[in-house]
Amino acid sequence: MTRDIYIAAGDHGFWQGAIRDRADPMVQALADAVADEQPVVIDLLYGDHDGGQRTISRFSLLPRPEGQRISAVSRHWNLDRSDPR
């Protein structure tokens, strides 16, 4: 993740991800999951602008009819503090 966006507590935000290296084994694994209409789970590590408050959020991309997907966040956990915040 290279974009730094401030999102106020309780507000909405977004993120974008990409696998840039075509030789990365995850490219084929992701392509196979999409082609087979399987769920995809992404654990996203992020923090504040100083690199603190490191948190991981687990996103699920779930298949829907007609090739669409729905995204859901199922869990958040902290690396530098006890849960919950």
PDB file of N, CA and C in Angstrom:
ATOM      1  N   MET A   1       0.853  -1.166   0.000  1.00  0.00           N
ATOM      2  CA  MET A   1       0.000   0.000   0.000  1.00  0.00           C
ATOM      3  C   MET A   1       0.899   1.230   0.000  1.00  0.00           C
ATOM      4  N   THR A   2       0.730   2.091  -0.963  1.00  0.00           N
ATOM      5  CA  THR A   2       1.596   3.252  -1.068  1.00  0.00           C
ATOM      6  C   THR A   2       0.849   4.569  -0.881  1.00  0.00           C
ATOM      7  N   ARG A   3      -0.440   4.532  -0.842  1.00  0.00           N
ATOM      8  CA  ARG A   3      -1.219   5.762  -0.715  1.00  0.00           C
ATOM      9  C   ARG A   3      -1.499   6.039   0.751  1.00  0.00           C
ATOM     10  N   ASP A   4      -1.219   7.256   1.200  1.00  0.00           N
ATOM     11  CA  ASP A   4      -1.431   7.641   2.590  1.00  0.00           C
ATOM     12  C   ASP A   4      -2.658   8.539   2.646  1.00  0.00           C
ATOM     13  N   ILE A   5      -3.746   8.038   3.221  1.00  0.00           N
ATOM     14  CA  ILE A   5      -5.000   8.777   3.279  1.00  0.00           C
ATOM     15  C   ILE A   5      -5.451   8.859   4.728  1.00  0.00           C
ATOM     16  N   TYR A   6      -5.766  10.069   5.178  1.00  0.00           N
ATOM     17  CA  TYR A   6      -6.318  10.219   6.527  1.00  0.00           C
ATOM     18  C   TYR A   6      -7.801   9.889   6.481  1.00  0.00           C
ATOM     19  N   ILE A   7      -8.211   8.985   7.363  1.00  0.00           N
ATOM     20  CA  ILE A   7      -9.623   8.635   7.486  1.00  0.00           C
ATOM     21  C   ILE A   7      -9.992   8.808   8.949  1.00  0.00           C
ATOM     22  N   ALA A   8     -10.919   9.695   9.211  1.00  0.00           N
ATOM     23  CA  ALA A   8     -11.335   9.960  10.587  1.00  0.00           C
ATOM     24  C   ALA A   8     -12.035   8.733  11.163  1.00  0.00           C
ATOM     25  N   ALA A   9     -11.943   8.586  12.472  1.00  0.00           N
ATOM     26  CA  ALA A   9     -12.591   7.461  13.154  1.00  0.00           C
ATOM     27  C   ALA A   9     -14.077   7.442  12.820  1.00  0.00           C
ATOM     28  N   GLY A  10     -14.580   6.266  12.464  1.00  0.00           N
ATOM     29  CA  GLY A  10     -15.991   6.097  12.142  1.00  0.00           C
ATOM     30  C   GLY A  10     -16.346   6.507  10.723  1.00  0.00           C
ATOM     31  N   ASP A  11     -15.368   6.967   9.943  1.00  0.00           N
ATOM     32  CA  ASP A  11     -15.635   7.398   8.576  1.00  0.00           C
ATOM     33  C   ASP A  11     -15.333   6.253   7.611  1.00  0.00           C
ATOM     34  N   HIS A  12     -15.568   6.475   6.336  1.00  0.00           N
ATOM     35  CA  HIS A  12     -15.310   5.473   5.303  1.00  0.00           C
ATOM     36  C   HIS A  12     -14.008   5.804   4.582  1.00  0.00           C
ATOM     37  N   GLY A  13     -13.379   4.785   4.040  1.00  0.00           N
ATOM     38  CA  GLY A  13     -12.162   4.987   3.275  1.00  0.00           C
ATOM     39  C   GLY A  13     -12.060   3.930   2.185  1.00  0.00           C
ATOM     40  N   PHE A  14     -10.934   3.871   1.542  1.00  0.00           N
ATOM     41  CA  PHE A  14     -10.707   2.863   0.515  1.00  0.00           C
ATOM     42  C   PHE A  14      -9.227   2.543   0.437  1.00  0.00           C
ATOM     43  N   TRP A  15      -8.917   1.458  -0.232  1.00  0.00           N
ATOM     44  CA  TRP A  15      -7.533   1.108  -0.503  1.00  0.00           C
ATOM     45  C   TRP A  15      -7.479   0.437  -1.862  1.00  0.00           C
ATOM     46  N   GLN A  16      -6.326   0.487  -2.461  1.00  0.00           N
ATOM     47  CA  GLN A  16      -6.084  -0.156  -3.745  1.00  0.00           C
ATOM     48  C   GLN A  16      -4.879  -1.060  -3.587  1.00  0.00           C
ATOM     49  N   GLY A  17      -4.913  -2.196  -4.227  1.00  0.00           N
ATOM     50  CA  GLY A  17      -3.788  -3.111  -4.163  1.00  0.00           C
ATOM     51  C   GLY A  17      -3.462  -3.653  -5.539  1.00  0.00           C
ATOM     52  N   ALA A  18      -2.222  -4.065  -5.715  1.00  0.00           N
ATOM     53  CA  ALA A  18      -1.794  -4.631  -6.986  1.00  0.00           C
ATOM     54  C   ALA A  18      -0.599  -5.544  -6.745  1.00  0.00           C
ATOM     55  N   ILE A  19      -0.495  -6.570  -7.544  1.00  0.00           N
ATOM     56  CA  ILE A  19       0.714  -7.396  -7.583  1.00  0.00           C
ATOM     57  C   ILE A  19       1.452  -6.944  -8.839  1.00  0.00           C
ATOM     58  N   ARG A  20       2.537  -6.235  -8.654  1.00  0.00           N
ATOM     59  CA  ARG A  20       3.236  -5.604  -9.775  1.00  0.00           C
ATOM     60  C   ARG A  20       4.186  -6.550 -10.521  1.00  0.00           C
ATOM     61  N   ASP A  21       4.721  -7.537  -9.828  1.00  0.00           N
ATOM     62  CA  ASP A  21       5.691  -8.445 -10.432  1.00  0.00           C
ATOM     63  C   ASP A  21       4.962  -9.660 -10.986  1.00  0.00           C
ATOM     64  N   ARG A  22       4.901  -9.782 -12.303  1.00  0.00           N
ATOM     65  CA  ARG A  22       4.200 -10.905 -12.943  1.00  0.00           C
ATOM     66  C   ARG A  22       4.787 -12.263 -12.572  1.00  0.00           C
ATOM     67  N   ALA A  23       6.040 -12.280 -12.102  1.00  0.00           N
ATOM     68  CA  ALA A  23       6.690 -13.537 -11.708  1.00  0.00           C
ATOM     69  C   ALA A  23       6.310 -13.965 -10.295  1.00  0.00           C
ATOM     70  N   ASP A  24       5.618 -13.112  -9.553  1.00  0.00           N
ATOM     71  CA  ASP A  24       5.192 -13.439  -8.187  1.00  0.00           C
ATOM     72  C   ASP A  24       4.213 -14.611  -8.238  1.00  0.00           C
ATOM     73  N   PRO A  25       4.432 -15.673  -7.447  1.00  0.00           N
ATOM     74  CA  PRO A  25       3.532 -16.829  -7.474  1.00  0.00           C
ATOM     75  C   PRO A  25       2.088 -16.481  -7.088  1.00  0.00           C
ATOM     76  N   MET A  26       1.891 -15.370  -6.402  1.00  0.00           N
ATOM     77  CA  MET A  26       0.538 -14.972  -6.018  1.00  0.00           C
ATOM     78  C   MET A  26      -0.307 -14.563  -7.218  1.00  0.00           C
ATOM     79  N   VAL A  27       0.331 -14.152  -8.319  1.00  0.00           N
ATOM     80  CA  VAL A  27      -0.410 -13.764  -9.519  1.00  0.00           C
ATOM     81  C   VAL A  27      -1.250 -14.938 -10.009  1.00  0.00           C
ATOM     82  N   GLN A  28      -0.625 -16.100 -10.161  1.00  0.00           N
ATOM     83  CA  GLN A  28      -1.357 -17.269 -10.653  1.00  0.00           C
ATOM     84  C   GLN A  28      -2.378 -17.757  -9.640  1.00  0.00           C
ATOM     85  N   ALA A  29      -2.012 -17.737  -8.350  1.00  0.00           N
ATOM     86  CA  ALA A  29      -2.954 -18.175  -7.301  1.00  0.00           C
ATOM     87  C   ALA A  29      -4.194 -17.285  -7.290  1.00  0.00           C
ATOM     88  N   LEU A  30      -4.011 -15.975  -7.428  1.00  0.00           N
ATOM     89  CA  LEU A  30      -5.145 -15.051  -7.443  1.00  0.00           C
ATOM     90  C   LEU A  30      -5.980 -15.240  -8.704  1.00  0.00           C
ATOM     91  N   ALA A  31      -5.310 -15.392  -9.840  1.00  0.00           N
ATOM     92  CA  ALA A  31      -6.037 -15.614 -11.099  1.00  0.00           C
ATOM     93  C   ALA A  31      -6.858 -16.898 -11.033  1.00  0.00           C
ATOM     94  N   ASP A  32      -6.295 -17.955 -10.461  1.00  0.00           N
ATOM     95  CA  ASP A  32      -7.028 -19.218 -10.322  1.00  0.00           C
ATOM     96  C   ASP A  32      -8.237 -19.064  -9.404  1.00  0.00           C
ATOM     97  N   ALA A  33      -8.068 -18.346  -8.294  1.00  0.00           N
ATOM     98  CA  ALA A  33      -9.181 -18.140  -7.353  1.00  0.00           C
ATOM     99  C   ALA A  33     -10.314 -17.359  -8.017  1.00  0.00           C
ATOM    100  N   VAL A  34      -9.962 -16.343  -8.781  1.00  0.00           N
ATOM    101  CA  VAL A  34     -10.984 -15.551  -9.474  1.00  0.00           C
ATOM    102  C   VAL A  34     -11.677 -16.405 -10.533  1.00  0.00           C
ATOM    103  N   ALA A  35     -10.905 -17.140 -11.333  1.00  0.00           N
ATOM    104  CA  ALA A  35     -11.482 -17.976 -12.386  1.00  0.00           C
ATOM    105  C   ALA A  35     -12.388 -19.067 -11.819  1.00  0.00           C
ATOM    106  N   ASP A  36     -12.027 -19.622 -10.679  1.00  0.00           N
ATOM    107  CA  ASP A  36     -12.813 -20.684 -10.047  1.00  0.00           C
ATOM    108  C   ASP A  36     -13.905 -20.147  -9.127  1.00  0.00           C
ATOM    109  N   GLU A  37     -14.077 -18.821  -9.114  1.00  0.00           N
ATOM    110  CA  GLU A  37     -15.083 -18.160  -8.269  1.00  0.00           C
ATOM    111  C   GLU A  37     -14.944 -18.549  -6.801  1.00  0.00           C
ATOM    112  N   GLN A  38     -13.694 -18.541  -6.327  1.00  0.00           N
ATOM    113  CA  GLN A  38     -13.394 -18.841  -4.929  1.00  0.00           C
ATOM    114  C   GLN A  38     -13.236 -17.540  -4.140  1.00  0.00           C
ATOM    115  N   PRO A  39     -13.499 -17.572  -2.838  1.00  0.00           N
ATOM    116  CA  PRO A  39     -13.252 -16.385  -2.020  1.00  0.00           C
ATOM    117  C   PRO A  39     -11.761 -16.048  -1.979  1.00  0.00           C
ATOM    118  N   VAL A  40     -11.449 -14.775  -1.826  1.00  0.00           N
ATOM    119  CA  VAL A  40     -10.078 -14.307  -1.674  1.00  0.00           C
ATOM    120  C   VAL A  40     -10.002 -13.549  -0.346  1.00  0.00           C
ATOM    121  N   VAL A  41      -9.001 -13.856   0.472  1.00  0.00           N
ATOM    122  CA  VAL A  41      -8.814 -13.190   1.761  1.00  0.00           C
ATOM    123  C   VAL A  41      -7.509 -12.404   1.719  1.00  0.00           C
ATOM    124  N   ILE A  42      -7.563 -11.133   2.147  1.00  0.00           N
ATOM    125  CA  ILE A  42      -6.398 -10.260   2.147  1.00  0.00           C
ATOM    126  C   ILE A  42      -6.214  -9.708   3.557  1.00  0.00           C
ATOM    127  N   ASP A  43      -5.028  -9.878   4.117  1.00  0.00           N
ATOM    128  CA  ASP A  43      -4.678  -9.258   5.393  1.00  0.00           C
ATOM    129  C   ASP A  43      -3.853  -8.022   5.081  1.00  0.00           C
ATOM    130  N   LEU A  44      -4.367  -6.851   5.438  1.00  0.00           N
ATOM    131  CA  LEU A  44      -3.740  -5.579   5.103  1.00  0.00           C
ATOM    132  C   LEU A  44      -3.149  -4.950   6.355  1.00  0.00           C
ATOM    133  N   LEU A  45      -1.829  -4.751   6.356  1.00  0.00           N
ATOM    134  CA  LEU A  45      -1.130  -4.106   7.461  1.00  0.00           C
ATOM    135  C   LEU A  45      -1.023  -2.617   7.175  1.00  0.00           C
ATOM    136  N   TYR A  46      -1.409  -1.805   8.127  1.00  0.00           N
ATOM    137  CA  TYR A  46      -1.299  -0.355   7.968  1.00  0.00           C
ATOM    138  C   TYR A  46      -1.057   0.302   9.319  1.00  0.00           C
ATOM    139  N   GLY A  47      -0.726   1.572   9.304  1.00  0.00           N
ATOM    140  CA  GLY A  47      -0.472   2.318  10.532  1.00  0.00           C
ATOM    141  C   GLY A  47      -0.737   3.789  10.318  1.00  0.00           C
ATOM    142  N   ASP A  48      -0.399   4.604  11.316  1.00  0.00           N
ATOM    143  CA  ASP A  48      -0.595   6.040  11.185  1.00  0.00           C
ATOM    144  C   ASP A  48       0.564   6.650  10.389  1.00  0.00           C
ATOM    145  N   HIS A  49       0.542   7.972  10.220  1.00  0.00           N
ATOM    146  CA  HIS A  49       1.544   8.637   9.382  1.00  0.00           C
ATOM    147  C   HIS A  49       2.959   8.553   9.948  1.00  0.00           C
ATOM    148  N   ASP A  50       3.100   8.215  11.228  1.00  0.00           N
ATOM    149  CA  ASP A  50       4.421   8.054  11.840  1.00  0.00           C
ATOM    150  C   ASP A  50       4.886   6.605  11.860  1.00  0.00           C
ATOM    151  N   GLY A  51       4.086   5.699  11.311  1.00  0.00           N
ATOM    152  CA  GLY A  51       4.438   4.281  11.318  1.00  0.00           C
ATOM    153  C   GLY A  51       4.033   3.570  12.595  1.00  0.00           C
ATOM    154  N   GLY A  52       3.270   4.236  13.448  1.00  0.00           N
ATOM    155  CA  GLY A  52       2.812   3.626  14.697  1.00  0.00           C
ATOM    156  C   GLY A  52       1.403   3.085  14.559  1.00  0.00           C
ATOM    157  N   GLN A  53       0.872   2.607  15.651  1.00  0.00           N
ATOM    158  CA  GLN A  53      -0.481   2.057  15.702  1.00  0.00           C
ATOM    159  C   GLN A  53      -0.701   1.018  14.607  1.00  0.00           C
ATOM    160  N   ARG A  54       0.272   0.136  14.440  1.00  0.00           N
ATOM    161  CA  ARG A  54       0.169  -0.860  13.367  1.00  0.00           C
ATOM    162  C   ARG A  54      -1.034  -1.764  13.615  1.00  0.00           C
ATOM    163  N   THR A  55      -1.854  -1.881  12.582  1.00  0.00           N
ATOM    164  CA  THR A  55      -3.092  -2.654  12.648  1.00  0.00           C
ATOM    165  C   THR A  55      -3.182  -3.532  11.413  1.00  0.00           C
ATOM    166  N   ILE A  56      -3.775  -4.692  11.567  1.00  0.00           N
ATOM    167  CA  ILE A  56      -4.056  -5.573  10.434  1.00  0.00           C
ATOM    168  C   ILE A  56      -5.567  -5.686  10.318  1.00  0.00           C
ATOM    169  N   SER A  57      -6.080  -5.509   9.109  1.00  0.00           N
ATOM    170  CA  SER A  57      -7.497  -5.723   8.831  1.00  0.00           C
ATOM    171  C   SER A  57      -7.609  -6.859   7.822  1.00  0.00           C
ATOM    172  N   ARG A  58      -8.543  -7.746   8.071  1.00  0.00           N
ATOM    173  CA  ARG A  58      -8.770  -8.874   7.165  1.00  0.00           C
ATOM    174  C   ARG A  58      -9.980  -8.581   6.288  1.00  0.00           C
ATOM    175  N   PHE A  59      -9.723  -8.528   4.983  1.00  0.00           N
ATOM    176  CA  PHE A  59     -10.767  -8.291   3.991  1.00  0.00           C
ATOM    177  C   PHE A  59     -11.067  -9.597   3.270  1.00  0.00           C
ATOM    178  N   SER A  60     -12.325  -9.842   3.017  1.00  0.00           N
ATOM    179  CA  SER A  60     -12.744 -11.000   2.224  1.00  0.00           C
ATOM    180  C   SER A  60     -13.411 -10.489   0.960  1.00  0.00           C
ATOM    181  N   LEU A  61     -13.026 -11.051  -0.167  1.00  0.00           N
ATOM    182  CA  LEU A  61     -13.670 -10.761  -1.446  1.00  0.00           C
ATOM    183  C   LEU A  61     -14.468 -12.005  -1.811  1.00  0.00           C
ATOM    184  N   LEU A  62     -15.779 -11.895  -1.699  1.00  0.00           N
ATOM    185  CA  LEU A  62     -16.646 -13.055  -1.849  1.00  0.00           C
ATOM    186  C   LEU A  62     -17.347 -13.031  -3.200  1.00  0.00           C
ATOM    187  N   PRO A  63     -17.369 -14.175  -3.902  1.00  0.00           N
ATOM    188  CA  PRO A  63     -18.000 -14.214  -5.225  1.00  0.00           C
ATOM    189  C   PRO A  63     -19.505 -14.000  -5.142  1.00  0.00           C
ATOM    190  N   ARG A  64     -20.017 -13.296  -6.129  1.00  0.00           N
ATOM    191  CA  ARG A  64     -21.445 -13.049  -6.280  1.00  0.00           C
ATOM    192  C   ARG A  64     -21.837 -13.471  -7.692  1.00  0.00           C
ATOM    193  N   PRO A  65     -23.119 -13.518  -7.991  1.00  0.00           N
ATOM    194  CA  PRO A  65     -23.551 -13.892  -9.349  1.00  0.00           C
ATOM    195  C   PRO A  65     -22.987 -12.953 -10.414  1.00  0.00           C
ATOM    196  N   GLU A  66     -22.855 -13.471 -11.607  1.00  0.00           N
ATOM    197  CA  GLU A  66     -22.423 -12.713 -12.788  1.00  0.00           C
ATOM    198  C   GLU A  66     -21.015 -12.144 -12.669  1.00  0.00           C
ATOM    199  N   GLY A  67     -20.114 -12.843 -11.958  1.00  0.00           N
ATOM    200  CA  GLY A  67     -18.725 -12.454 -11.888  1.00  0.00           C
ATOM    201  C   GLY A  67     -18.409 -11.290 -10.974  1.00  0.00           C
ATOM    202  N   GLN A  68     -19.389 -10.821 -10.230  1.00  0.00           N
ATOM    203  CA  GLN A  68     -19.140  -9.726  -9.303  1.00  0.00           C
ATOM    204  C   GLN A  68     -18.610 -10.258  -7.982  1.00  0.00           C
ATOM    205  N   ARG A  69     -18.055  -9.363  -7.169  1.00  0.00           N
ATOM    206  CA  ARG A  69     -17.571  -9.722  -5.822  1.00  0.00           C
ATOM    207  C   ARG A  69     -18.046  -8.677  -4.835  1.00  0.00           C
ATOM    208  N   ILE A  70     -18.210  -9.103  -3.605  1.00  0.00           N
ATOM    209  CA  ILE A  70     -18.538  -8.184  -2.527  1.00  0.00           C
ATOM    210  C   ILE A  70     -17.399  -8.239  -1.518  1.00  0.00           C
ATOM    211  N   SER A  71     -17.046  -7.091  -0.971  1.00  0.00           N
ATOM    212  CA  SER A  71     -15.950  -7.012  -0.014  1.00  0.00           C
ATOM    213  C   SER A  71     -16.515  -6.851   1.389  1.00  0.00           C
ATOM    214  N   ALA A  72     -15.908  -7.547   2.333  1.00  0.00           N
ATOM    215  CA  ALA A  72     -16.318  -7.433   3.733  1.00  0.00           C
ATOM    216  C   ALA A  72     -15.073  -7.466   4.615  1.00  0.00           C
ATOM    217  N   VAL A  73     -15.097  -6.696   5.690  1.00  0.00           N
ATOM    218  CA  VAL A  73     -14.018  -6.737   6.671  1.00  0.00           C
ATOM    219  C   VAL A  73     -14.493  -7.617   7.810  1.00  0.00           C
ATOM    220  N   SER A  74     -13.681  -8.621   8.139  1.00  0.00           N
ATOM    221  CA  SER A  74     -14.132  -9.572   9.152  1.00  0.00           C
ATOM    222  C   SER A  74     -13.378  -9.456  10.468  1.00  0.00           C
ATOM    223  N   ARG A  75     -12.231  -8.796  10.470  1.00  0.00           N
ATOM    224  CA  ARG A  75     -11.452  -8.732  11.704  1.00  0.00           C
ATOM    225  C   ARG A  75     -10.430  -7.612  11.623  1.00  0.00           C
ATOM    226  N   HIS A  76     -10.151  -6.988  12.778  1.00  0.00           N
ATOM    227  CA  HIS A  76      -9.068  -6.024  12.936  1.00  0.00           C
ATOM    228  C   HIS A  76      -8.275  -6.453  14.161  1.00  0.00           C
ATOM    229  N   TRP A  77      -6.961  -6.386  14.106  1.00  0.00           N
ATOM    230  CA  TRP A  77      -6.166  -6.613  15.310  1.00  0.00           C
ATOM    231  C   TRP A  77      -4.931  -5.738  15.290  1.00  0.00           C
ATOM    232  N   ASN A  78      -4.473  -5.382  16.490  1.00  0.00           N
ATOM    233  CA  ASN A  78      -3.351  -4.471  16.678  1.00  0.00           C
ATOM    234  C   ASN A  78      -2.063  -5.242  16.930  1.00  0.00           C
ATOM    235  N   LEU A  79      -0.962  -4.687  16.488  1.00  0.00           N
ATOM    236  CA  LEU A  79       0.335  -5.304  16.728  1.00  0.00           C
ATOM    237  C   LEU A  79       1.082  -4.642  17.880  1.00  0.00           C
ATOM    238  N   ASP A  80       0.759  -3.382  18.163  1.00  0.00           N
ATOM    239  CA  ASP A  80       1.505  -2.632  19.171  1.00  0.00           C
ATOM    240  C   ASP A  80       0.748  -2.419  20.466  1.00  0.00           C
ATOM    241  N   ARG A  81      -0.484  -2.808  20.534  1.00  0.00           N
ATOM    242  CA  ARG A  81      -1.305  -2.628  21.729  1.00  0.00           C
ATOM    243  C   ARG A  81      -2.188  -3.854  21.927  1.00  0.00           C
ATOM    244  N   SER A  82      -2.816  -3.906  23.087  1.00  0.00           N
ATOM    245  CA  SER A  82      -3.769  -4.991  23.307  1.00  0.00           C
ATOM    246  C   SER A  82      -5.069  -4.659  22.578  1.00  0.00           C
ATOM    247  N   ASP A  83      -5.806  -5.671  22.190  1.00  0.00           N
ATOM    248  CA  ASP A  83      -7.102  -5.479  21.533  1.00  0.00           C
ATOM    249  C   ASP A  83      -8.180  -5.373  22.595  1.00  0.00           C
ATOM    250  N   PRO A  84      -9.276  -4.725  22.382  1.00  0.00           N
ATOM    251  CA  PRO A  84      -9.487  -3.741  21.318  1.00  0.00           C
ATOM    252  C   PRO A  84      -8.844  -2.419  21.678  1.00  0.00           C
ATOM    253  N   ARG A  85      -8.761  -1.542  20.718  1.00  0.00           N
ATOM    254  CA  ARG A  85      -8.144  -0.226  20.934  1.00  0.00           C
ATOM    255  C   ARG A  85      -8.983   0.608  21.838  1.00  0.00           C
TER     256      ARG A  85
END
